[in-house]
Protein backbone atom coordinates (compact mmCIF):
# COMPACT_ATOMS: atom_id res chain seq x y z
CA MET A 1 0.02 0.05 -0.04
CA ARG A 2 1.31 3.48 -0.88
CA ASN A 3 0.46 6.80 0.80
CA VAL A 4 -2.50 5.21 2.67
CA PRO A 5 -3.59 6.62 6.03
CA LEU A 6 -3.11 3.95 8.78
CA SER A 7 -6.45 4.77 10.30
CA SER A 8 -8.21 3.44 7.07
CA VAL A 9 -6.61 0.02 7.30
CA GLU A 10 -5.46 -0.42 10.88
CA ASP A 11 -8.33 -2.75 11.85
CA LEU A 12 -7.98 -5.09 8.88
CA PRO A 13 -7.69 -8.72 10.19
CA ARG A 14 -4.07 -9.17 9.23
CA ALA A 15 -1.11 -9.42 11.59
CA VAL A 16 1.23 -7.23 9.46
CA LEU A 17 0.37 -4.20 7.21
CA ALA A 18 2.98 -2.46 5.07
CA ILE A 19 2.62 1.22 3.94
CA ALA A 20 5.01 3.30 1.70
CA THR A 21 4.89 7.00 2.35
CA ASP A 22 6.82 10.09 0.98
CA TYR A 23 7.30 13.09 3.24
CA ALA A 24 8.48 16.65 2.38
CA PRO A 25 11.54 17.98 4.10
CA GLY A 26 10.63 19.31 7.51
CA THR A 27 7.40 17.44 7.87
CA VAL A 28 6.55 16.88 11.55
CA LEU A 29 4.12 14.14 12.67
CA PRO A 30 2.83 15.46 16.03
CA ARG A 31 2.90 13.32 19.22
CA HIS A 32 0.76 10.22 18.61
CA ARG A 33 0.56 6.55 19.23
CA HIS A 34 -0.43 3.37 17.43
CA ARG A 35 -2.39 0.42 18.66
CA ARG A 36 0.01 -1.70 16.59
CA ALA A 37 3.83 -1.96 16.91
CA GLN A 38 5.67 -0.20 14.12
CA LEU A 39 8.88 -0.60 12.18
CA LEU A 40 9.54 2.76 10.55
CA TYR A 41 12.24 2.51 7.81
CA GLY A 42 13.69 5.44 6.04
CA MET A 43 15.32 4.83 2.66
CA SER A 44 16.41 8.54 2.32
CA GLY A 45 16.72 11.60 4.34
CA LEU A 46 16.80 11.49 8.22
CA MET A 47 14.14 10.87 10.83
CA GLU A 48 14.19 12.23 14.41
CA VAL A 49 11.98 10.41 16.77
CA THR A 50 11.21 11.81 20.32
CA THR A 51 9.41 9.92 23.13
CA ASP A 52 9.12 10.54 26.82
CA ASP A 53 12.15 8.25 27.34
CA GLY A 54 14.60 9.90 24.98
CA ALA A 55 15.49 10.96 21.38
CA TRP A 56 16.52 8.87 18.46
CA VAL A 57 17.98 9.87 15.18
CA ILE A 58 17.55 7.33 12.37
CA PRO A 59 19.97 7.58 9.41
CA PRO A 60 19.09 6.36 5.93
CA TYR A 61 18.85 2.51 5.46
CA SER A 62 18.08 2.16 9.26
CA GLY A 63 14.76 1.58 10.91
CA VAL A 64 13.16 2.53 14.27
CA TRP A 65 11.22 -0.07 16.23
CA ILE A 66 8.28 1.60 18.05
CA PRO A 67 6.42 -0.59 20.48
CA ALA A 68 2.70 -0.70 20.48
CA GLY A 69 1.17 2.18 22.39
CA GLN A 70 4.38 4.21 22.68
CA PRO A 71 3.68 7.91 22.20
CA HIS A 72 6.10 9.54 19.89
CA GLN A 73 6.79 12.43 17.54
CA VAL A 74 8.60 12.23 14.33
CA ARG A 75 10.38 14.88 12.26
CA MET A 76 11.10 13.98 8.67
CA GLN A 77 13.92 15.51 6.59
CA GLY A 78 13.21 14.51 3.06
CA VAL A 79 12.24 10.94 3.95
CA SER A 80 10.65 8.17 1.86
CA THR A 81 9.45 5.46 4.29
CA ARG A 82 8.46 1.88 4.34
CA SER A 83 6.54 1.13 7.54
CA LEU A 84 5.26 -2.07 9.06
CA TYR A 85 2.39 -2.05 11.40
CA ILE A 86 2.24 -5.21 13.49
CA GLU A 87 -0.48 -6.49 15.83
CA PRO A 88 0.93 -6.56 19.44
CA GLN A 89 0.59 -10.30 19.76
CA ALA A 90 2.68 -10.81 16.63
CA ALA A 91 5.54 -8.33 17.46
CA PRO A 92 8.79 -9.99 16.97
CA ARG A 93 10.68 -7.81 19.43
CA ALA A 94 10.15 -7.48 23.16
CA ALA A 95 11.69 -3.97 23.70
CA ARG A 96 9.52 -1.56 25.59
CA GLN A 97 11.44 1.43 24.26
CA CYS A 98 12.34 2.54 20.79
CA GLU A 99 15.29 0.88 19.07
CA VAL A 100 17.31 1.98 16.16
CA LEU A 101 17.79 -1.16 13.89
CA VAL A 102 20.26 -2.07 11.27
CA VAL A 103 18.38 -2.92 8.08
CA SER A 104 20.16 -5.81 6.24
CA PRO A 105 20.12 -5.95 2.40
CA LEU A 106 17.63 -8.73 2.65
CA LEU A 107 15.26 -6.86 4.97
CA HIS A 108 15.62 -3.90 2.67
CA GLN A 109 14.35 -5.85 -0.30
CA LEU A 110 11.52 -7.42 1.71
CA LEU A 111 10.31 -3.97 2.77
CA LEU A 112 10.38 -2.72 -0.82
CA ALA A 113 8.38 -5.85 -1.90
CA ALA A 114 5.99 -5.41 0.97
CA ALA A 115 4.82 -1.97 -0.22
CA ASP A 116 3.10 -3.73 -3.04
CA VAL A 117 1.04 -6.09 -0.82
CA GLU A 118 -2.56 -5.23 -0.27
CA GLY A 119 -3.82 -4.66 3.29
CA LEU A 120 -6.26 -7.47 3.02
CA HIS A 121 -3.83 -9.77 1.46
CA ALA A 122 -4.61 -13.44 0.87
CA LEU A 123 -3.71 -15.88 3.51
CA GLY A 124 -1.71 -19.09 2.85
CA GLY A 125 0.01 -17.72 -0.23
CA ARG A 126 3.13 -15.66 -1.29
CA ASP A 127 2.10 -12.37 0.43
CA GLU A 128 1.53 -14.04 3.91
CA ALA A 129 4.86 -15.78 3.51
CA LEU A 130 6.59 -12.60 2.67
CA MET A 131 5.18 -11.01 5.76
CA THR A 132 6.19 -13.86 7.90
CA LEU A 133 9.80 -13.75 6.61
CA ILE A 134 9.79 -9.98 7.37
CA LEU A 135 8.86 -10.63 10.96
CA HIS A 136 11.84 -13.10 11.27
CA GLU A 137 14.25 -10.62 9.76
CA VAL A 138 13.00 -7.79 12.11
CA ALA A 139 13.50 -10.10 15.11
CA ALA A 140 17.14 -10.69 13.94
CA ALA A 141 18.02 -7.14 13.22
CA PRO A 142 20.87 -5.68 15.47
CA SER A 143 20.15 -2.38 17.32
CA MET A 144 22.41 0.67 16.89
CA PRO A 145 23.60 2.82 19.74
CA LEU A 146 21.82 6.05 18.84
CA SER A 147 19.57 7.06 21.75
CA ALA A 148 19.83 9.65 24.46
CA PRO A 149 17.60 8.57 27.33
CA ILE A 150 16.09 11.46 29.19
CA GLY A 151 15.14 9.92 32.51
CA CYS A 152 12.25 10.48 34.83
CA ASP A 153 13.51 13.23 37.20
CA ALA A 154 11.94 16.47 36.00
CA GLN A 155 14.94 18.73 36.77
CA LEU A 156 17.29 16.47 34.94
CA ALA A 157 14.86 16.00 32.08
CA ARG A 158 14.96 19.76 31.49
CA LEU A 159 18.73 19.78 31.50
CA CYS A 160 18.77 16.87 28.92
CA ARG A 161 16.24 18.37 26.52
CA ALA A 162 17.96 21.86 26.65
CA PHE A 163 21.24 19.93 25.79
CA LEU A 164 19.69 18.08 22.94
CA LYS A 165 18.65 21.42 21.45
CA ALA A 166 22.05 22.96 21.74
CA PRO A 167 24.64 20.18 22.38
CA ASP A 168 28.25 21.14 23.38
CA ARG A 169 30.67 18.36 24.47
CA ARG A 170 32.55 20.93 26.54
CA ILE A 171 29.69 21.03 29.16
CA SER A 172 30.87 19.04 32.17
CA ALA A 173 29.17 16.73 34.66
CA GLU A 174 30.31 19.23 37.40
CA GLN A 175 28.33 22.03 35.82
CA TRP A 176 25.19 19.90 35.83
CA ALA A 177 25.87 18.66 39.32
CA ALA A 178 25.86 22.18 40.52
CA GLN A 179 22.47 22.90 38.87
CA VAL A 180 20.80 19.95 40.53
CA HIS A 181 22.55 20.71 43.91
CA ARG A 182 24.49 17.41 44.15
CA SER A 183 28.14 16.67 44.65
CA PRO A 184 29.94 15.42 41.54
CA ARG A 185 29.92 11.93 43.03
CA GLN A 186 26.26 11.99 43.95
CA PHE A 187 25.48 13.24 40.46
CA SER A 188 27.37 10.57 38.77
CA ARG A 189 25.35 7.81 40.58
CA PHE A 190 22.09 9.78 40.02
CA PHE A 191 22.62 10.33 36.31
CA ARG A 192 23.49 6.64 35.73
CA GLN A 193 20.35 5.55 37.65
CA GLN A 194 18.12 7.92 35.59
CA THR A 195 19.64 7.22 32.15
CA GLY A 196 21.42 3.77 32.32
CA MET A 197 24.77 5.44 31.16
CA SER A 198 27.50 7.73 32.48
CA PHE A 199 27.25 11.44 31.78
CA ALA A 200 30.19 11.30 29.39
CA ARG A 201 28.73 8.48 27.38
CA TRP A 202 25.34 10.31 27.26
CA ARG A 203 26.89 13.56 26.25
CA GLN A 204 28.70 11.78 23.41
CA GLN A 205 25.55 10.14 22.23
CA ALA A 206 23.67 13.41 22.23
CA CYS A 207 26.38 15.12 20.29
CA LEU A 208 26.28 12.37 17.65
CA LEU A 209 22.49 12.65 17.35
CA ALA A 210 22.89 16.34 16.62
CA ALA A 211 25.72 15.64 14.15
CA LEU A 212 23.55 13.16 12.16
CA ALA A 213 20.82 15.92 11.85
CA ARG A 214 23.30 18.59 10.86
CA LEU A 215 25.26 16.44 8.44
CA SER A 216 22.05 15.42 6.69
CA ALA A 217 21.11 19.07 6.39
CA GLY A 218 24.31 19.71 4.35
CA GLU A 219 26.62 21.23 6.93
CA SER A 220 30.26 20.47 6.45
CA VAL A 221 32.07 17.96 8.73
CA THR A 222 34.43 20.80 9.83
CA SER A 223 31.54 23.02 10.81
CA VAL A 224 29.66 20.32 12.64
CA ALA A 225 32.81 19.22 14.60
CA LEU A 226 33.70 22.74 15.76
CA GLU A 227 30.07 23.67 16.64
CA LEU A 228 29.83 20.61 18.93
CA GLY A 229 33.12 21.48 20.67
CA TYR A 230 35.39 18.79 19.19
CA ALA A 231 39.16 19.74 19.14
CA SER A 232 39.38 19.09 15.55
CA PRO A 233 37.46 17.62 12.53
CA ALA A 234 39.77 14.66 12.70
CA ALA A 235 38.84 13.85 16.27
CA PHE A 236 35.17 14.07 15.51
CA SER A 237 35.47 11.91 12.37
CA ALA A 238 37.39 9.23 14.36
CA LEU A 239 34.70 9.12 17.01
CA PHE A 240 31.89 9.10 14.37
CA LYS A 241 33.52 6.12 12.56
CA GLN A 242 34.26 4.27 15.79
CA ARG A 243 30.60 4.47 16.93
CA LEU A 244 28.70 4.24 13.62
CA GLY A 245 31.06 2.25 11.49
CA GLN A 246 31.42 4.72 8.74
CA ALA A 247 32.96 8.19 8.12
CA PRO A 248 30.77 11.34 8.38
CA SER A 249 31.43 11.83 4.59
CA VAL A 250 30.12 8.45 3.74
CA PHE A 251 27.01 9.11 5.95
CA GLN A 252 26.44 12.37 4.01
CA ARG A 253 26.56 10.52 0.64
CA GLN A 254 23.90 8.11 1.88
CA VAL A 255 21.68 10.97 2.89
CA ARG A 256 22.00 12.37 -0.68
CA GLY A 257 20.87 9.08 -2.02
CA GLU A 258 24.18 7.77 -3.13
CA GLY A 259 24.26 4.79 -0.91
CA GLN A 260 22.52 1.41 -1.24
CA GLY A 261 20.28 1.03 -4.30
CA ASP A 262 16.60 0.09 -4.61
């Protein structure tokens, strides 16, 4: 199905529905939730997903797993998507939070093919087999470390959201500790309890999220590195490649549609 509103097909008696949708740059899908679980796959551009638990940036040829009932907002930057909507009892992943997934070449091709499957597709034939195989591939997909959990504490959440809007790796844990009236040691334990990671690791994740968005918008690697507070473009590029498995320049080529083919 292509460019079909989910609301018009969501209650069809099928475990998996596939919908292809094209979005103009800057499109924002306001906070909403689905009864079904969703795999949101972007073949071009960049998606930014925000939930109560954190922020996720999804580069091209990656997908985001959104559990059933999870409230979320999505900002599209020139994205062509292939989405799966899966009945909760058929969901192939048990995660209660969003996950960024690596989409294998096989899963990529399956998602392309699924866009031509009707919502009320025949059972017992090729289309049902295709959807079953897709569920197996989604279950096997590895996750990528591209989240910045926000935590439940209101004061800390405000600091996290402000940082996500204007990230700077030069901001220290000691600065935040003073703002929440804790000693550095107390803050270190508190931050890990709230987010599941150290402040330094979280700061690095948040800067990488911002870098992905800025690189996809066409900013140069040098500009992004310096704006985020890295000592040099080379230091930024080395970290980017270490964490994401590719150089920033390669990522930019993928965003421009020069990566994996259809």
